[in-house]
C-alpha cells in the first residue's frame, strides 16, 4: 500500500468537507444539539402539574388541604371549577392534567372524627404523568392523615383522609394507548419530511431542473404541485397506521375519524413545507438527508412523544411550541383517546394552518428558477 496516495486521498476528503459549509455545521451542531436536548428534555420527573379545583367546602380545613397540595411542588392549582363538567372541560382541553374535588362536608367530617373524602381526577392519556399525580397526591394525603392523628391524640381521632382516584381516558394507564397516537404523528412527519426533502434537489442531480426553469409555471404552482402527491401518500400512510392501531394494537378511536383526517391534512402541508425548504437549500441528496435528520431529532424529543413536556425546563418547553408535531400529537391523543371535537382543538387547528402557510411561503421564496 502506498502511504502517500492514501494521504493524498485523506487531504482531498478533508478539503471537500471544508468546502461544504452545511456539512461542517451539521458535524459541529448535531452532537451539541443532541446532548443538550437529551440532557434537558429526557426527564421523567414531572412537577408543577396544572390542576383544576372544585371546592365545595367553606371550612379552613379544605384550604389547608389545598395548601399542602401546592406546598408539595407537584401541583399548581391554576384553575377553579364550579362543577364536574367544568373539570372535564379543563382536562379535555389539555389545560389541566388533574382535578381535585372537595365535598361540602369535608371540614365537618374531620371535626366529627369521620373519614373525610377527597376525589382526585387524573388525565390518564400520559401514564408517566398520571402515575406521578397518583403517587404525589397519595403522599400528600397520607402525610396529612398522620399529622391529623398526632394533633388529635387523646381526643376524637378521625379515621383518615380518604382519597378516591379516578383515571380518565386510559384507566389502565396502558403505555400502548399513549405511545401509538404519538408514534403515528412521528412516522407521518418522518416519512413526508424525508420524501419532500429530496424532491427539488433530485431535479438538480438528474439534470431536469432546466426543463422546469423554461416552463411558464410559477414558483407557487411548482411548490403546490410538488406537495400534493405527498399529501396523498401521507393520507395512505395515516389510514394504514390507524388501521394497524385499531385492529392490531386494539387502540380504540374515541373521536371522529373525519376530524382526525382533516387535522392530518393540515399538518401534512406544514411538514411537507419544511421538507421543501430543506430541498431548496440543499445542494445534494446527502445534504438533504443530513438536514432532515437534523430536523427530525428535535421533533421526536421535544414534541411530547417520548418525554412529558411538563417535565421539561421552561426554555425547552418554549422551543417545543414552535414544532408542528407538538400540536399534532396533542390532536392525535385528544381525538383517539379523549374523543375531543373541534371545539377543544380549534387552537391547534389555527396554529397548524399558520405553520402550513408560513412554511410553504418560505419554500416558495427560497426556490430560485435558475441554475446556480
Protein backbone atom coordinates (compact mmCIF):
# COMPACT_ATOMS: atom_id res chain seq x y z
CA UNK A 1 0.00 0.00 0.00
CA UNK A 2 1.32 3.41 -0.97
CA UNK A 3 1.01 5.67 2.04
CA UNK A 4 1.50 8.85 0.02
CA UNK A 5 -1.50 8.07 -2.17
CA UNK A 6 -3.62 7.32 0.92
CA UNK A 7 -2.55 10.62 2.49
CA UNK A 8 -3.44 12.43 -0.71
CA UNK A 9 -6.95 10.96 -0.60
CA UNK A 10 -7.27 11.93 3.08
CA UNK A 11 -6.23 15.52 2.33
CA UNK A 12 -8.63 15.63 -0.62
CA UNK A 13 -11.52 14.37 1.53
CA UNK A 14 -10.88 16.93 4.27
CA UNK A 15 -10.68 19.62 1.60
CA UNK A 16 -14.08 18.54 0.26
CA UNK A 17 -15.56 18.63 3.75
CA UNK A 18 -14.04 22.06 4.35
CA UNK A 19 -15.72 23.39 1.20
CA UNK A 20 -19.13 22.06 2.29
CA UNK A 21 -20.16 24.53 4.97
CA UNK A 22 -23.51 22.82 5.59
CA UNK A 23 -21.79 19.53 6.41
CA UNK A 24 -19.38 21.31 8.78
CA UNK A 25 -22.31 22.97 10.53
CA UNK A 26 -24.07 19.62 10.96
CA UNK A 27 -20.87 17.94 12.22
CA UNK A 28 -20.49 20.60 14.90
CA UNK A 29 -24.12 21.29 15.76
CA UNK A 30 -25.57 17.77 15.74
CA UNK A 31 -23.72 16.37 18.80
CA UNK A 32 -24.15 19.64 20.71
CA UNK A 33 -27.86 19.79 19.95
CA UNK A 34 -28.49 16.12 20.76
CA UNK A 35 -26.59 16.33 24.05
CA UNK A 36 -28.45 19.46 25.15
CA UNK A 37 -31.84 18.13 24.08
CA UNK A 38 -31.35 14.71 25.65
CA UNK A 39 -29.86 16.29 28.77
CA UNK A 40 -32.76 18.65 29.37
CA UNK A 41 -35.71 17.05 27.58
CA UNK A 42 -35.14 13.42 28.59
CA UNK A 43 -36.59 13.87 32.04
CA UNK A 44 -39.48 11.90 33.51
CA UNK A 45 -39.55 13.83 36.78
CA UNK A 46 -42.84 15.68 36.49
CA UNK A 47 -43.72 18.53 38.84
CA UNK A 48 -45.85 21.70 38.86
CA UNK A 49 -48.72 19.78 37.29
CA UNK A 50 -51.55 22.09 36.13
CA UNK A 51 -54.54 21.27 38.31
CA UNK A 52 -58.18 22.36 38.48
CA UNK A 53 -60.01 22.53 41.84
CA UNK A 54 -63.71 22.12 42.57
CA UNK A 55 -64.01 23.08 46.25
CA UNK A 56 -67.48 22.74 47.76
CA UNK A 57 -66.28 23.19 51.33
CA UNK A 58 -66.09 26.57 53.10
CA UNK A 59 -64.06 25.44 56.10
CA UNK A 60 -60.41 26.20 56.81
CA UNK A 61 -59.59 22.50 56.64
CA UNK A 62 -60.13 22.43 52.89
CA UNK A 63 -57.86 25.48 52.47
CA UNK A 64 -55.19 23.64 54.46
CA UNK A 65 -55.59 20.61 52.21
CA UNK A 66 -55.09 22.69 49.08
CA UNK A 67 -52.11 24.45 50.68
CA UNK A 68 -50.46 21.08 51.23
CA UNK A 69 -51.02 20.12 47.61
CA UNK A 70 -49.34 23.35 46.44
CA UNK A 71 -46.56 23.03 49.01
CA UNK A 72 -45.66 19.59 47.65
CA UNK A 73 -44.38 21.36 44.48
CA UNK A 74 -46.12 18.76 42.36
CA UNK A 75 -49.40 20.61 41.86
CA UNK A 76 -50.15 24.10 40.55
CA UNK A 77 -53.76 24.99 41.34
CA UNK A 78 -54.21 27.07 38.20
CA UNK A 79 -57.97 26.74 37.73
CA UNK A 80 -61.16 26.78 39.78
CA UNK A 81 -64.27 24.94 38.63
CA UNK A 82 -67.90 25.16 39.67
CA UNK A 83 -68.90 21.69 38.51
CA UNK A 84 -67.55 18.32 37.43
CA UNK A 85 -68.41 19.34 33.86
CA UNK A 86 -66.02 22.28 34.10
CA UNK A 87 -63.27 19.97 35.35
CA UNK A 88 -63.92 17.76 32.34
CA UNK A 89 -63.62 20.76 30.02
CA UNK A 90 -60.27 21.81 31.51
CA UNK A 91 -58.88 18.28 31.21
CA UNK A 92 -60.36 17.73 27.73
CA UNK A 93 -58.73 20.94 26.51
CA UNK A 94 -55.39 19.84 27.93
CA UNK A 95 -55.24 22.87 30.26
CA UNK A 96 -55.22 20.68 33.38
CA UNK A 97 -53.81 17.22 33.99
CA UNK A 98 -55.55 16.65 37.33
CA UNK A 99 -58.70 17.70 39.14
CA UNK A 100 -59.32 17.86 42.88
CA UNK A 101 -62.91 17.67 44.13
CA UNK A 102 -63.61 18.53 47.79
CA UNK A 103 -67.14 17.67 49.01
CA UNK A 104 -69.17 20.18 51.09
CA UNK A 105 -69.00 18.04 54.24
CA UNK A 106 -65.18 17.72 54.21
CA UNK A 107 -64.44 20.02 57.18
CA UNK A 108 -67.40 18.76 59.22
CA UNK A 109 -66.35 15.15 58.73
CA UNK A 110 -62.88 15.93 60.06
CA UNK A 111 -64.30 17.66 63.12
CA UNK A 112 -66.70 14.78 63.78
CA UNK A 113 -63.99 12.16 63.57
CA UNK A 114 -65.27 10.69 60.32
CA UNK A 115 -63.34 9.69 57.26
CA UNK A 116 -63.17 12.78 55.03
CA UNK A 117 -63.26 12.05 51.32
CA UNK A 118 -61.36 13.79 48.53
CA UNK A 119 -61.79 12.93 44.88
CA UNK A 120 -58.83 13.05 42.51
CA UNK A 121 -59.50 13.01 38.77
CA UNK A 122 -56.48 12.19 36.60
CA UNK A 123 -55.87 12.55 32.87
CA UNK A 124 -54.58 9.06 32.06
CA UNK A 125 -53.50 9.75 28.47
CA UNK A 126 -49.89 10.08 29.65
CA UNK A 127 -49.19 7.16 32.05
CA UNK A 128 -45.96 8.73 33.35
CA UNK A 129 -47.64 11.96 34.39
CA UNK A 130 -50.71 10.10 35.67
CA UNK A 131 -48.60 7.85 37.87
CA UNK A 132 -46.79 10.90 39.28
CA UNK A 133 -50.13 12.56 40.06
CA UNK A 134 -51.45 9.48 41.84
CA UNK A 135 -48.34 8.85 43.90
CA UNK A 136 -47.81 12.53 44.78
CA UNK A 137 -51.44 13.07 45.79
CA UNK A 138 -51.32 9.88 47.83
CA UNK A 139 -48.20 11.14 49.59
CA UNK A 140 -49.84 14.49 50.42
CA UNK A 141 -52.97 12.86 51.84
CA UNK A 142 -51.05 10.26 53.81
CA UNK A 143 -48.82 12.92 55.37
CA UNK A 144 -51.87 14.98 56.35
CA UNK A 145 -53.55 11.93 57.86
CA UNK A 146 -50.54 11.30 60.08
CA UNK A 147 -50.48 14.95 61.18
CA UNK A 148 -54.19 14.93 61.99
CA UNK A 149 -53.87 11.78 64.10
CA UNK A 150 -50.93 13.24 66.03
CA UNK A 151 -52.70 16.55 66.65
CA UNK A 152 -55.88 14.89 67.88
CA UNK A 153 -54.27 12.23 70.05
CA UNK A 154 -56.37 11.70 73.17
CA UNK A 155 -59.42 13.28 71.56
CA UNK A 156 -61.74 12.23 68.77
CA UNK A 157 -59.44 10.73 66.16
CA UNK A 158 -60.60 10.78 62.57
CA UNK A 159 -60.28 7.50 60.72
CA UNK A 160 -58.28 9.02 57.89
CA UNK A 161 -58.43 11.13 54.78
CA UNK A 162 -59.99 9.01 52.06
CA UNK A 163 -58.56 9.75 48.61
CA UNK A 164 -60.78 8.41 45.83
CA UNK A 165 -58.96 8.42 42.47
CA UNK A 166 -60.48 8.20 39.01
CA UNK A 167 -58.30 7.88 35.92
CA UNK A 168 -59.99 9.12 32.76
CA UNK A 169 -59.43 8.15 29.08
CA UNK A 170 -56.85 5.47 29.86
CA UNK A 171 -57.97 3.77 33.10
CA UNK A 172 -55.37 1.00 32.86
CA UNK A 173 -52.67 3.62 32.13
CA UNK A 174 -51.53 1.49 29.21
CA UNK A 175 -48.34 2.76 27.58
CA UNK A 176 -49.57 1.44 24.22
CA UNK A 177 -52.56 3.78 24.32
CA UNK A 178 -50.17 6.66 24.99
CA UNK A 179 -47.43 5.70 22.52
CA UNK A 180 -49.41 4.66 19.44
CA UNK A 181 -51.10 8.03 18.70
CA UNK A 182 -47.78 9.84 19.16
CA UNK A 183 -46.00 7.29 17.02
CA UNK A 184 -48.48 7.90 14.19
CA UNK A 185 -47.52 11.59 14.21
CA UNK A 186 -43.79 10.86 14.32
CA UNK A 187 -44.00 8.37 11.43
CA UNK A 188 -46.10 10.73 9.34
CA UNK A 189 -43.67 13.59 9.93
CA UNK A 190 -40.57 11.47 9.26
CA UNK A 191 -41.82 9.84 6.05
CA UNK A 192 -43.18 13.01 4.45
CA UNK A 193 -40.22 15.13 5.50
CA UNK A 194 -37.70 12.67 4.08
CA UNK A 195 -39.60 12.31 0.80
CA UNK A 196 -40.12 16.00 0.09
CA UNK A 197 -36.63 17.00 1.19
CA UNK A 198 -35.33 15.14 -1.89
CA UNK A 199 -37.89 16.48 -4.39
CA UNK A 200 -36.17 19.68 -5.60
CA UNK A 201 -32.59 18.57 -5.09
CA UNK A 202 -33.35 15.39 -7.07
CA UNK A 203 -34.31 17.56 -10.04
CA UNK A 204 -30.89 19.25 -9.87
CA UNK A 205 -28.96 16.00 -9.63
CA UNK A 206 -30.87 14.41 -12.51
CA UNK A 207 -30.45 17.47 -14.72
CA UNK A 208 -34.20 18.02 -15.13
CA UNK A 209 -34.20 21.38 -13.35
CA UNK A 210 -33.58 23.11 -16.69
CA UNK A 211 -36.90 21.76 -18.00
CA UNK A 212 -38.72 23.26 -15.01
CA UNK A 213 -36.96 26.59 -15.44
CA UNK A 214 -38.01 27.06 -19.06
CA UNK A 215 -41.67 26.21 -18.39
CA UNK A 216 -44.14 29.05 -17.66
CA UNK A 217 -45.06 27.51 -14.29
CA UNK A 218 -44.81 29.87 -11.29
CA UNK A 219 -42.86 29.07 -8.14
CA UNK A 220 -46.02 28.69 -6.07
CA UNK A 221 -47.57 26.36 -8.64
CA UNK A 222 -44.41 24.28 -8.60
CA UNK A 223 -44.42 24.05 -4.78
CA UNK A 224 -48.09 23.03 -4.66
CA UNK A 225 -47.54 20.53 -7.45
CA UNK A 226 -44.65 19.04 -5.52
CA UNK A 227 -46.66 18.83 -2.29
CA UNK A 228 -49.96 17.32 -3.50
CA UNK A 229 -48.59 13.83 -4.37
CA UNK A 230 -47.00 13.55 -0.93
CA UNK A 231 -50.21 14.70 0.76
CA UNK A 232 -51.91 11.75 -0.93
CA UNK A 233 -49.08 9.44 0.18
CA UNK A 234 -49.40 10.85 3.70
CA UNK A 235 -53.13 10.07 3.72
CA UNK A 236 -52.42 6.50 2.66
CA UNK A 237 -49.86 6.20 5.46
CA UNK A 238 -52.15 7.57 8.15
CA UNK A 239 -55.05 5.32 7.08
CA UNK A 240 -52.71 2.33 7.28
CA UNK A 241 -51.39 3.46 10.66
CA UNK A 242 -54.89 3.97 12.07
CA UNK A 243 -55.98 0.56 10.78
CA UNK A 244 -53.00 -1.10 12.49
CA UNK A 245 -53.66 0.84 15.67
CA UNK A 246 -57.28 -0.31 15.87
CA UNK A 247 -57.08 -3.88 14.57
CA UNK A 248 -53.60 -4.92 15.71
CA UNK A 249 -52.84 -2.88 18.84
CA UNK A 250 -56.52 -2.65 19.86
CA UNK A 251 -56.40 1.10 20.45
CA UNK A 252 -59.99 2.36 20.00
CA UNK A 253 -60.61 5.71 18.35
CA UNK A 254 -62.94 7.61 20.67
CA UNK A 255 -63.45 10.63 18.41
CA UNK A 256 -64.25 11.42 14.79
CA UNK A 257 -62.06 9.83 12.11
CA UNK A 258 -63.15 12.54 9.67
CA UNK A 259 -61.91 15.24 12.04
CA UNK A 260 -58.67 13.33 12.51
CA UNK A 261 -58.11 13.18 8.74
CA UNK A 262 -58.84 16.91 8.45
CA UNK A 263 -56.17 17.72 11.03
CA UNK A 264 -53.80 15.29 9.33
CA UNK A 265 -54.20 17.13 6.01
CA UNK A 266 -53.44 20.47 7.66
CA UNK A 267 -50.42 19.03 9.47
CA UNK A 268 -49.12 17.43 6.26
CA UNK A 269 -48.92 20.77 4.47
CA UNK A 270 -46.73 22.14 7.26
CA UNK A 271 -44.50 19.06 7.43
CA UNK A 272 -44.14 18.95 3.65
CA UNK A 273 -43.37 22.68 3.60
CA UNK A 274 -40.41 22.05 5.91
CA UNK A 275 -39.24 19.29 3.56
CA UNK A 276 -39.43 21.63 0.58
CA UNK A 277 -37.41 24.28 2.42
CA UNK A 278 -34.72 21.67 3.08
CA UNK A 279 -34.83 20.60 -0.57
CA UNK A 280 -34.46 24.15 -1.89
CA UNK A 281 -31.40 24.96 0.25
CA UNK A 282 -29.62 21.62 -0.23
CA UNK A 283 -27.07 21.05 -2.98
CA UNK A 284 -27.28 17.25 -2.91
CA UNK A 285 -29.47 14.45 -1.63
CA UNK A 286 -26.87 13.69 1.04
CA UNK A 287 -27.19 17.23 2.38
CA UNK A 288 -30.96 16.94 2.26
CA UNK A 289 -30.83 13.74 4.30
CA UNK A 290 -28.49 15.32 6.85
CA UNK A 291 -30.72 18.36 7.28
CA UNK A 292 -33.79 16.12 7.53
CA UNK A 293 -32.24 14.15 10.38
CA UNK A 294 -31.23 17.45 11.97
CA UNK A 295 -34.93 18.45 11.96
CA UNK A 296 -36.41 15.09 12.92
CA UNK A 297 -34.47 14.64 16.17
CA UNK A 298 -35.81 17.76 17.95
CA UNK A 299 -39.34 16.84 16.88
CA UNK A 300 -39.06 13.39 18.45
CA UNK A 301 -37.51 14.68 21.67
CA UNK A 302 -39.47 17.87 22.28
CA UNK A 303 -42.95 17.19 20.91
CA UNK A 304 -44.08 15.17 23.91
CA UNK A 305 -43.87 11.86 22.08
CA UNK A 306 -41.07 10.39 24.20
CA UNK A 307 -40.97 12.55 27.33
CA UNK A 308 -43.66 14.53 29.19
CA UNK A 309 -43.50 18.19 28.21
CA UNK A 310 -44.47 19.10 31.78
CA UNK A 311 -41.10 17.74 32.93
CA UNK A 312 -39.07 19.90 30.55
CA UNK A 313 -37.34 23.14 31.62
CA UNK A 314 -39.06 26.36 30.58
CA UNK A 315 -36.64 27.15 27.74
CA UNK A 316 -37.06 23.66 26.23
CA UNK A 317 -40.82 23.91 26.69
CA UNK A 318 -40.83 27.19 24.73
CA UNK A 319 -38.79 25.60 21.92
CA UNK A 320 -41.30 22.76 21.69
CA UNK A 321 -44.03 25.29 20.96
CA UNK A 322 -42.53 26.08 17.53
CA UNK A 323 -42.78 22.47 16.34
CA UNK A 324 -45.92 21.48 14.39
CA UNK A 325 -45.59 17.90 15.67
CA UNK A 326 -46.18 19.12 19.24
CA UNK A 327 -49.69 20.25 18.31
CA UNK A 328 -50.43 17.31 16.04
CA UNK A 329 -49.58 14.79 18.75
CA UNK A 330 -51.93 16.64 21.11
CA UNK A 331 -54.61 16.39 18.39
CA UNK A 332 -54.00 12.67 17.86
CA UNK A 333 -54.17 11.84 21.56
CA UNK A 334 -57.11 14.15 22.04
CA UNK A 335 -59.22 12.63 19.28
CA UNK A 336 -58.14 8.99 19.68
CA UNK A 337 -58.10 8.76 23.49
CA UNK A 338 -60.37 11.56 24.73
CA UNK A 339 -62.83 11.84 21.88
CA UNK A 340 -62.14 15.57 21.55
CA UNK A 341 -64.11 17.54 18.98
CA UNK A 342 -63.19 20.65 17.02
CA UNK A 343 -64.26 22.86 19.93
CA UNK A 344 -61.46 21.52 22.13
CA UNK A 345 -58.86 21.57 19.36
CA UNK A 346 -59.60 24.74 17.40
CA UNK A 347 -56.44 26.44 18.72
CA UNK A 348 -54.29 23.60 17.40
CA UNK A 349 -56.12 23.81 14.05
CA UNK A 350 -55.34 27.53 13.70
CA UNK A 351 -51.70 27.02 14.70
CA UNK A 352 -51.21 24.15 12.23
CA UNK A 353 -52.80 26.21 9.44
CA UNK A 354 -50.41 29.08 10.20
CA UNK A 355 -47.44 26.72 10.19
CA UNK A 356 -48.51 25.30 6.81
CA UNK A 357 -48.89 28.75 5.22
CA UNK A 358 -45.60 30.04 6.62
CA UNK A 359 -43.52 27.01 5.63
CA UNK A 360 -45.00 26.81 2.14
CA UNK A 361 -44.38 30.55 1.65
CA UNK A 362 -40.78 30.22 2.85
CA UNK A 363 -40.16 27.29 0.50
CA UNK A 364 -41.54 29.35 -2.40
CA UNK A 365 -39.35 32.35 -1.52
CA UNK A 366 -36.21 30.19 -1.16
CA UNK A 367 -36.69 28.45 -4.51
CA UNK A 368 -34.98 30.11 -7.45
CA UNK A 369 -35.87 29.29 -11.05
CA UNK A 370 -32.28 29.31 -12.17
CA UNK A 371 -29.23 27.10 -12.13
CA UNK A 372 -26.59 28.04 -9.54
